[in-house]
Every structure is written in C-alpha cells, then in structure tokens.
Protein backbone atom coordinates (compact mmCIF):
# COMPACT_ATOMS: atom_id res chain seq x y z
CA MET A 1 -13.57 -3.98 -17.35
CA PRO A 2 -10.05 -5.05 -16.44
CA ASP A 3 -9.08 -8.59 -17.23
CA ALA A 4 -8.97 -10.84 -14.14
CA ALA A 5 -5.49 -12.09 -15.05
CA VAL A 6 -4.14 -8.52 -15.31
CA ARG A 7 -5.54 -7.17 -12.03
CA SER A 8 -2.97 -6.92 -9.31
CA ARG A 9 -3.74 -8.79 -6.12
CA ALA A 10 -2.38 -8.38 -2.65
CA PRO A 11 -0.14 -11.32 -1.73
CA GLU A 12 -1.70 -14.09 0.31
CA ARG A 13 0.28 -15.88 2.99
CA THR A 14 -0.54 -19.03 4.95
CA CYS A 15 -0.55 -19.25 8.75
CA ILE A 16 1.79 -22.03 9.87
CA GLY A 17 -0.53 -22.77 12.81
CA CYS A 18 -4.00 -23.13 11.29
CA ARG A 19 -3.08 -23.20 7.55
CA ARG A 20 -5.58 -20.39 6.80
CA LYS A 21 -4.67 -18.17 3.86
CA ALA A 22 -4.94 -14.44 4.45
CA ASN A 23 -3.65 -11.09 3.33
CA PRO A 24 -0.81 -10.24 5.72
CA ALA A 25 -1.75 -6.54 5.94
CA GLY A 26 -3.43 -6.88 9.33
CA GLN A 27 -4.30 -10.48 9.86
CA LEU A 28 -0.89 -12.14 9.96
CA VAL A 29 2.41 -11.44 11.71
CA ARG A 30 5.82 -12.53 10.37
CA VAL A 31 8.50 -14.38 12.34
CA ALA A 32 11.91 -14.24 10.65
CA ARG A 33 15.17 -16.08 11.08
CA ARG A 34 17.80 -13.41 10.62
CA PRO A 35 21.03 -14.16 8.74
CA ASP A 36 22.84 -14.48 12.10
CA GLY A 37 20.37 -17.20 13.18
CA SER A 38 18.41 -15.17 15.73
CA LEU A 39 14.62 -14.87 15.56
CA ALA A 40 12.77 -11.59 15.14
CA VAL A 41 9.16 -10.52 14.68
CA GLY A 42 8.30 -7.99 12.01
CA ARG A 43 7.31 -7.69 8.38
CA LEU A 44 10.51 -5.94 7.34
CA GLU A 45 12.99 -8.22 9.10
CA PRO A 46 15.53 -9.80 6.75
CA GLY A 47 15.81 -13.55 6.38
CA ARG A 48 13.61 -16.59 6.06
CA GLY A 49 10.09 -16.01 7.37
CA ALA A 50 6.97 -17.74 8.62
CA TRP A 51 3.50 -16.24 9.10
CA LEU A 52 1.04 -16.63 12.00
CA CYS A 53 -2.44 -15.29 12.66
CA ALA A 54 -1.93 -12.10 14.68
CA GLY A 55 -2.56 -12.56 18.40
CA SER A 56 -3.81 -16.15 18.08
CA GLU A 57 -2.58 -18.40 20.87
CA ALA A 58 -4.24 -21.41 19.20
CA CYS A 59 -2.27 -20.84 16.00
CA PHE A 60 0.99 -20.42 17.91
CA GLU A 61 0.40 -23.60 19.94
CA GLY A 62 -0.64 -25.51 16.80
CA ALA A 63 2.57 -24.45 15.06
CA VAL A 64 4.65 -25.54 18.07
CA LYS A 65 2.85 -28.89 18.32
CA ARG A 66 3.36 -29.61 14.62
CA ARG A 67 6.97 -28.32 14.72
CA ALA A 68 6.05 -25.91 11.93
CA PHE A 69 8.53 -23.22 13.03
CA GLY A 70 11.50 -25.51 12.37
CA ARG A 71 10.20 -26.53 8.96
CA ALA A 72 9.20 -23.04 7.84
CA LEU A 73 12.38 -21.37 9.09
CA ARG A 74 14.59 -24.32 8.08
CA CYS A 75 16.35 -24.46 11.42
CA GLU A 76 15.96 -26.02 14.84
CA VAL A 77 14.08 -23.66 17.17
CA PRO A 78 14.90 -24.37 20.85
CA GLY A 79 12.11 -24.37 23.44
CA ARG A 80 13.53 -21.34 25.26
CA GLU A 81 13.35 -19.29 22.05
CA LEU A 82 9.76 -20.43 21.54
CA ASP A 83 8.91 -19.22 25.06
CA VAL A 84 10.37 -15.78 24.32
CA LEU A 85 8.65 -15.73 20.95
CA ARG A 86 5.31 -16.67 22.57
CA GLY A 87 5.61 -13.69 24.91
CA LYS A 88 6.41 -11.29 22.06
CA LEU A 89 3.63 -12.51 19.78
CA LEU A 90 0.82 -12.87 22.30
CA SER A 91 1.44 -9.77 24.42
CA GLY A 92 0.64 -7.28 21.66
CA GLY A 93 -2.61 -6.23 20.06
CA PRO A 94 -3.55 -6.30 16.41
CA SER A 95 -0.70 -6.52 13.96
CA ALA A 96 0.74 -3.47 12.24
CA PRO A 97 3.53 -3.18 9.66
CA HIS A 98 6.28 -3.30 12.32
CA GLY A 99 4.45 -5.08 15.16
CA PRO A 100 1.34 -4.53 17.28
CA THR A 101 2.40 -1.09 18.46
CA GLY A 102 3.74 0.12 15.11
CA GLN A 103 7.24 0.13 16.64
CA GLY A 104 10.06 -2.01 15.32
CA TRP A 105 10.48 -5.35 17.10
CA GLU A 106 13.72 -6.35 18.72
CA GLY A 107 15.32 -9.74 18.19
CA VAL A 108 13.81 -12.73 19.90
CA GLY A 109 16.50 -14.96 21.31
CA GLY A 110 20.03 -15.63 20.16
CA ALA A 111 21.80 -17.56 17.46
C-alpha cells in the first residue's frame, strides 16, 4: 500500500464566499486580477486569483458583502466591475477548465 504522505492529492481551494474547501476541477471557478489590473474569469488566467463555488449566487453575494474580492485579489474592486463579474459568473452553467462553456473567458472590466 502506498504511504499516505507520498500519495499525490489534487489541490484544494477555498471559496471566498462560503469558505468551503473543494477540488477546483468542477466545483470552483477562478477570478483573476491580471497584471494590467483588469479582472478575468478562468483557471488559466495569469495573475492573483480568488475561487468561488461555480454558479452560486449566495457565494458571490457573500463574498461581496464581506469584501472578500478586494482582500483576495489585493486591490480595490469597484461596484461596476462586480456587476459585470456577477453577470459573467452567474450566467453560465457548471464550471469547466476555461469557463462554463469550455471557451476562454474575456476580461471583466478595465484597469
């Protein structure tokens, strides 16, 4: 039997809305602050990231209420960018590697 310390494990991430730990493979979606300061949604986006339960309005609203986006991304996130981000995150279906449809996401808001 393989030793428990040697076995590889899938990384766990924590939702910034509900604080639940999960494997990001299909349960969480990543929001990233790109190097230019704009926000984008997608697992492969460069920059500082934050994770949310995929398709969960309650998690998104909880993160907004607790100002978790600003803390996790280490920047001020204006309300207009949160509105655009809400539309991008909650309009899709289940999460996939590049977004709900498997297509790459475009940027969400400006610098």
